[in-house]
């Protein structure tokens, strides 16, 4: 086997191990929480996602949002140099 294949296999094993530990840890944590807490976390996450989604949508629909300002353009030219 090549060195790249071995590294990919090692990375896959480490990833699976990390995911298994996260799964067990989250299971333990959620088993200790009450139903009211979990519903509050889920509803809070939904509200945050909706606010973020609507803000992104509004930003895309704003006219001229795709045109960078002079300050941004100047910064880009400085970074390119």
Protein backbone atom coordinates (compact mmCIF):
# COMPACT_ATOMS: atom_id res chain seq x y z
CA UNK A 1 0.00 0.00 0.00
CA UNK A 2 1.13 3.50 -0.69
CA UNK A 3 1.78 6.07 1.99
CA UNK A 4 -1.30 8.06 0.96
CA UNK A 5 -3.57 5.04 1.35
CA UNK A 6 -2.21 4.29 4.81
CA UNK A 7 -2.70 7.91 5.90
CA UNK A 8 -6.26 7.89 4.58
CA UNK A 9 -7.04 4.69 6.49
CA UNK A 10 -5.57 6.14 9.69
CA UNK A 11 -7.61 9.32 9.22
CA UNK A 12 -10.77 7.26 8.66
CA UNK A 13 -10.19 5.22 11.84
CA UNK A 14 -9.55 8.37 13.89
CA UNK A 15 -12.68 10.01 12.47
CA UNK A 16 -14.81 6.98 13.32
CA UNK A 17 -13.39 6.90 16.85
CA UNK A 18 -14.09 10.62 17.40
CA UNK A 19 -17.65 10.24 16.09
CA UNK A 20 -18.25 7.24 18.36
CA UNK A 21 -17.04 9.19 21.41
CA UNK A 22 -19.21 12.18 20.46
CA UNK A 23 -22.21 9.87 20.02
CA UNK A 24 -21.74 8.33 23.46
CA UNK A 25 -21.12 11.69 25.10
CA UNK A 26 -24.20 13.29 23.57
CA UNK A 27 -26.30 10.27 24.49
CA UNK A 28 -25.15 10.52 28.10
CA UNK A 29 -25.75 14.29 28.17
CA UNK A 30 -29.22 14.13 26.60
CA UNK A 31 -30.28 11.24 28.84
CA UNK A 32 -29.62 13.46 31.86
CA UNK A 33 -31.65 16.41 30.47
CA UNK A 34 -35.38 16.80 30.84
CA UNK A 35 -37.80 16.92 27.94
CA UNK A 36 -38.51 20.62 28.59
CA UNK A 37 -34.81 21.45 28.27
CA UNK A 38 -34.45 19.56 24.99
CA UNK A 39 -37.56 21.21 23.54
CA UNK A 40 -36.18 24.60 24.57
CA UNK A 41 -32.84 23.91 22.90
CA UNK A 42 -34.53 22.72 19.71
CA UNK A 43 -36.93 25.67 19.55
CA UNK A 44 -34.08 28.10 20.25
CA UNK A 45 -32.00 26.55 17.47
CA UNK A 46 -34.93 26.84 15.06
CA UNK A 47 -35.44 30.52 15.93
CA UNK A 48 -31.73 31.29 15.49
CA UNK A 49 -31.71 29.47 12.14
CA UNK A 50 -34.78 31.36 10.92
CA UNK A 51 -33.31 34.74 11.91
CA UNK A 52 -30.04 33.87 10.16
CA UNK A 53 -31.88 32.61 7.05
CA UNK A 54 -34.07 35.71 6.79
CA UNK A 55 -31.09 38.04 7.29
CA UNK A 56 -29.14 36.25 4.53
CA UNK A 57 -32.13 36.39 2.22
CA UNK A 58 -32.67 40.09 2.88
CA UNK A 59 -28.98 40.78 2.29
CA UNK A 60 -29.07 39.00 -1.06
CA UNK A 61 -32.20 40.84 -2.20
CA UNK A 62 -30.81 44.27 -1.29
CA UNK A 63 -29.90 46.14 -4.48
CA UNK A 64 -26.20 46.76 -4.91
CA UNK A 65 -25.22 44.14 -2.35
CA UNK A 66 -23.05 42.37 -4.91
CA UNK A 67 -21.03 45.49 -5.69
CA UNK A 68 -18.11 45.94 -3.26
CA UNK A 69 -17.54 49.35 -1.73
CA UNK A 70 -14.45 51.41 -2.57
CA UNK A 71 -12.94 50.56 0.83
CA UNK A 72 -13.41 46.82 0.25
CA UNK A 73 -12.00 47.10 -3.27
CA UNK A 74 -8.95 48.98 -1.99
CA UNK A 75 -8.36 46.30 0.64
CA UNK A 76 -8.59 43.58 -2.00
CA UNK A 77 -6.00 45.33 -4.16
CA UNK A 78 -3.70 45.68 -1.15
CA UNK A 79 -4.06 41.99 -0.32
CA UNK A 80 -3.39 41.03 -3.96
CA UNK A 81 -0.12 42.93 -3.93
